[in-house]
Protein backbone atom coordinates (compact mmCIF):
# COMPACT_ATOMS: atom_id res chain seq x y z
CA UNK A 1 23.43 45.97 -33.66
CA UNK A 2 24.77 48.01 -36.57
CA UNK A 3 28.29 47.77 -37.04
CA UNK A 4 30.27 50.00 -39.17
CA UNK A 5 34.09 48.02 -40.67
CA UNK A 6 37.55 49.52 -41.14
CA UNK A 7 40.97 48.89 -42.91
CA UNK A 8 43.24 50.44 -44.45
CA UNK A 9 43.61 48.30 -47.44
CA UNK A 10 41.82 44.48 -47.68
CA UNK A 11 39.05 47.06 -49.15
CA UNK A 12 37.39 43.43 -50.56
CA UNK A 13 36.83 42.22 -47.68
CA UNK A 14 36.07 44.97 -45.27
CA UNK A 15 33.03 45.24 -47.54
CA UNK A 16 32.21 41.39 -47.24
CA UNK A 17 32.03 41.53 -43.75
CA UNK A 18 30.27 44.91 -43.61
CA UNK A 19 27.23 43.78 -46.68
CA UNK A 20 27.37 40.11 -43.76
CA UNK A 21 27.11 42.29 -40.69
CA UNK A 22 24.51 44.81 -42.62
CA UNK A 23 26.81 47.18 -42.27
CA UNK A 24 28.56 49.93 -44.35
CA UNK A 25 32.75 49.33 -44.11
CA UNK A 26 34.95 52.67 -44.66
CA UNK A 27 38.36 52.58 -45.57
CA UNK A 28 41.55 54.87 -44.43
CA UNK A 29 45.01 55.50 -43.11
CA UNK A 30 45.08 55.08 -39.30
CA UNK A 31 48.66 56.79 -39.74
CA UNK A 32 47.42 59.68 -41.24
CA UNK A 33 45.99 61.62 -38.50
CA UNK A 34 43.55 63.65 -41.33
CA UNK A 35 41.78 60.42 -42.26
CA UNK A 36 41.97 59.14 -38.20
CA UNK A 37 40.33 62.13 -37.47
CA UNK A 38 37.64 62.27 -40.09
CA UNK A 39 36.79 59.11 -39.67
CA UNK A 40 34.46 58.81 -37.03
CA UNK A 41 32.20 62.12 -38.48
CA UNK A 42 32.11 59.73 -41.56
CA UNK A 43 30.77 57.30 -39.10
CA UNK A 44 28.26 59.61 -37.63
CA UNK A 45 27.17 60.78 -41.14
CA UNK A 46 26.35 57.03 -42.39
CA UNK A 47 24.52 56.37 -39.04
CA UNK A 48 23.95 59.54 -36.93
CA UNK A 49 24.78 57.85 -33.48
CA UNK A 50 27.63 55.89 -32.21
CA UNK A 51 27.47 53.36 -28.83
CA UNK A 52 30.57 51.71 -28.83
CA UNK A 53 33.94 52.40 -30.86
CA UNK A 54 37.00 49.74 -30.90
CA UNK A 55 40.28 51.02 -31.29
CA UNK A 56 41.93 47.36 -33.38
CA UNK A 57 43.77 48.73 -35.64
CA UNK A 58 48.09 48.01 -35.16
CA UNK A 59 51.27 47.73 -37.04
CA UNK A 60 54.75 45.85 -35.88
CA UNK A 61 55.88 46.10 -38.75
CA UNK A 62 59.17 47.29 -39.99
CA UNK A 63 61.01 46.03 -37.02
CA UNK A 64 62.73 43.04 -36.78
CA UNK A 65 62.31 42.03 -32.18
CA UNK A 66 66.26 42.05 -31.38
CA UNK A 67 67.62 44.29 -33.82
CA UNK A 68 68.17 47.06 -31.70
CA UNK A 69 70.07 49.39 -34.49
CA UNK A 70 67.03 48.54 -36.68
CA UNK A 71 64.69 51.03 -34.80
CA UNK A 72 64.53 54.27 -36.50
CA UNK A 73 63.29 57.26 -36.00
CA UNK A 74 60.50 57.20 -39.03
CA UNK A 75 59.69 53.41 -37.45
CA UNK A 76 58.97 54.97 -34.31
CA UNK A 77 56.28 57.68 -35.87
CA UNK A 78 55.02 54.90 -38.28
CA UNK A 79 54.19 52.88 -34.57
CA UNK A 80 53.35 55.48 -32.77
CA UNK A 81 51.14 57.36 -35.05
CA UNK A 82 48.67 53.91 -35.85
CA UNK A 83 49.22 52.03 -32.25
CA UNK A 84 48.97 55.11 -30.11
CA UNK A 85 47.88 58.65 -32.01
CA UNK A 86 44.87 57.11 -34.18
CA UNK A 87 43.44 55.64 -30.94
CA UNK A 88 43.24 58.78 -29.38
CA UNK A 89 42.20 61.10 -32.53
CA UNK A 90 39.36 58.20 -32.81
CA UNK A 91 38.41 58.57 -28.92
CA UNK A 92 38.11 62.17 -28.82
CA UNK A 93 36.26 62.63 -31.49
CA UNK A 94 33.95 60.05 -30.60
CA UNK A 95 33.40 61.79 -27.58
CA UNK A 96 30.45 63.73 -28.17
CA UNK A 97 28.39 60.68 -29.45
CA UNK A 98 29.81 58.31 -26.76
CA UNK A 99 28.13 60.65 -24.35
CA UNK A 100 24.51 60.92 -25.54
CA UNK A 101 24.44 56.79 -25.73
CA UNK A 102 25.87 55.90 -22.56
CA UNK A 103 28.33 54.64 -25.03
CA UNK A 104 31.91 52.53 -24.35
CA UNK A 105 35.15 51.89 -25.82
CA UNK A 106 37.20 49.03 -26.28
CA UNK A 107 40.95 49.39 -26.81
CA UNK A 108 42.42 46.31 -28.76
CA UNK A 109 46.27 46.85 -27.21
CA UNK A 110 48.85 43.63 -26.05
CA UNK A 111 50.34 41.23 -23.93
CA UNK A 112 53.73 42.84 -24.91
CA UNK A 113 52.46 45.89 -23.56
CA UNK A 114 51.79 44.34 -19.56
CA UNK A 115 55.03 42.54 -19.79
CA UNK A 116 57.70 44.07 -21.33
CA UNK A 117 59.00 41.45 -23.53
CA UNK A 118 58.14 39.30 -26.64
CA UNK A 119 58.21 41.96 -29.11
CA UNK A 120 59.73 44.49 -30.90
CA UNK A 121 60.41 47.86 -28.13
CA UNK A 122 59.09 50.09 -30.16
CA UNK A 123 55.92 48.04 -30.26
CA UNK A 124 55.64 46.95 -26.89
CA UNK A 125 56.34 50.64 -25.84
CA UNK A 126 53.10 51.76 -27.75
CA UNK A 127 50.85 49.00 -26.28
CA UNK A 128 51.95 50.07 -22.67
CA UNK A 129 50.69 53.62 -23.70
CA UNK A 130 47.43 52.65 -24.89
CA UNK A 131 46.94 50.74 -22.18
CA UNK A 132 48.04 53.36 -19.96
CA UNK A 133 45.45 55.78 -22.14
CA UNK A 134 43.13 53.72 -21.16
CA UNK A 135 42.92 53.81 -17.49
CA UNK A 136 42.94 57.68 -17.73
CA UNK A 137 40.41 58.27 -20.22
CA UNK A 138 38.81 55.47 -17.96
CA UNK A 139 38.69 57.80 -15.00
CA UNK A 140 38.25 61.15 -16.52
CA UNK A 141 35.00 60.03 -18.90
CA UNK A 142 33.50 58.04 -16.01
CA UNK A 143 30.16 57.71 -15.41
CA UNK A 144 29.29 59.27 -19.13
CA UNK A 145 31.29 56.48 -21.04
CA UNK A 146 33.47 53.47 -20.01
CA UNK A 147 37.04 52.09 -21.21
CA UNK A 148 38.41 49.30 -20.83
CA UNK A 149 41.13 47.66 -22.99
CA UNK A 150 41.69 43.77 -24.31
CA UNK A 151 45.17 42.44 -24.13
CA UNK A 152 45.53 39.25 -26.53
CA UNK A 153 48.88 37.07 -26.76
CA UNK A 154 49.49 35.77 -29.92
CA UNK A 155 45.77 35.51 -31.67
CA UNK A 156 45.72 32.65 -34.73
CA UNK A 157 45.09 34.33 -37.87
CA UNK A 158 46.48 34.85 -41.28
CA UNK A 159 49.08 37.13 -40.41
CA UNK A 160 51.21 34.92 -37.92
CA UNK A 161 50.42 31.75 -39.36
CA UNK A 162 54.45 31.79 -39.93
CA UNK A 163 55.64 32.82 -36.49
CA UNK A 164 56.55 29.64 -35.56
CA UNK A 165 58.77 30.35 -31.95
CA UNK A 166 55.87 32.42 -30.70
CA UNK A 167 53.29 29.29 -31.42
CA UNK A 168 55.56 26.69 -30.12
CA UNK A 169 55.95 29.15 -26.67
CA UNK A 170 51.80 29.09 -26.32
CA UNK A 171 51.71 25.66 -27.35
CA UNK A 172 53.97 24.12 -25.07
CA UNK A 173 54.41 27.34 -22.44
CA UNK A 174 50.82 28.36 -21.54
CA UNK A 175 48.27 26.37 -19.48
CA UNK A 176 45.77 26.94 -22.22
CA UNK A 177 48.55 25.09 -24.61
CA UNK A 178 47.23 27.35 -27.95
CA UNK A 179 47.40 30.75 -29.62
CA UNK A 180 43.67 32.66 -28.78
CA UNK A 181 41.58 32.52 -31.76
CA UNK A 182 40.00 35.76 -32.92
CA UNK A 183 36.33 34.69 -31.77
CA UNK A 184 38.10 34.42 -28.41
CA UNK A 185 39.22 38.34 -29.06
CA UNK A 186 35.68 39.61 -30.10
CA UNK A 187 33.95 37.33 -27.04
CA UNK A 188 36.13 39.52 -24.42
CA UNK A 189 35.51 42.83 -26.14
CA UNK A 190 31.31 41.84 -26.34
CA UNK A 191 31.60 41.00 -22.71
CA UNK A 192 33.70 44.76 -22.21
CA UNK A 193 30.51 46.53 -23.90
CA UNK A 194 27.32 44.70 -22.43
CA UNK A 195 29.31 45.10 -18.22
CA UNK A 196 27.61 48.70 -17.12
CA UNK A 197 29.71 48.50 -14.33
CA UNK A 198 33.60 47.54 -15.59
CA UNK A 199 36.16 50.76 -16.39
CA UNK A 200 39.81 51.40 -16.31
CA UNK A 201 40.46 47.54 -16.92
CA UNK A 202 43.44 46.18 -19.05
CA UNK A 203 42.38 42.17 -19.74
CA UNK A 204 44.80 40.40 -20.45
CA UNK A 205 43.69 37.28 -22.88
CA UNK A 206 46.73 35.14 -22.87
CA UNK A 207 45.73 31.76 -22.11
CA UNK A 208 47.28 32.65 -19.15
CA UNK A 209 51.11 32.66 -20.58
CA UNK A 210 51.47 35.67 -18.09
CA UNK A 211 51.44 33.02 -15.12
CA UNK A 212 55.14 31.54 -16.42
C-alpha cells in the first residue's frame, strides 16, 4: 500500500515520513475550502487510485477549556472549518475513487465528541458533529463505501506532553492507567480499514475512561 501524507505545516517531517513509507507528501491548509477540496484531486493525479481516506487533521486552539467568554465567532469558524467542513470536503471529493475501489473512510474524532466534557465547547461540538456525519455517511454510502470513526481520548504526543492535568487523569482514573500511544490509534484505524463488514461505528479509544 502506498501512503499519501498530508500536513498544514511541518513540511520537513511530512516529507521524511512520506519517504519512509514510500509515498508522497502533500501540503495544504484544510481550514481553507479551496485547499481542502483540491487535496484529493492532487493525490489522484499522483497515484490514480484511492482505497482509504483517513481524516486526521484537527485543531483545538485558541480557546481555553473553561473560559466561555473566550469563544469568539472567529474561533468557532476556524474550528468548524478544520474539524468538520474539511473532512466533509475530503469525503465528497474522494467518493468517486472510493466507490471504484470499494474503499473506506476513517474519521479521527475525539472522546470529547462522545462525552460532553474534557475540552473546549467548540472543539467538542465539532467532533460530536463529525461523529454524526460518520454515521450518516455510512448509512448513505453502504455497501459501496464503509465509513467509521475512531474517537481517542488523550494521546501521548509532543502536543500533549505538558497537559499535566489530563495526563494525571488518564494515569489515575482509566482502567489502562495511561494515555494512548499514536500506535494504538494507528492500529485501530488499520483494523477498521481491513474489516470489510464494520461500518457506521464510532469506536472509543480512551483506555476505558468512559467506564468511570
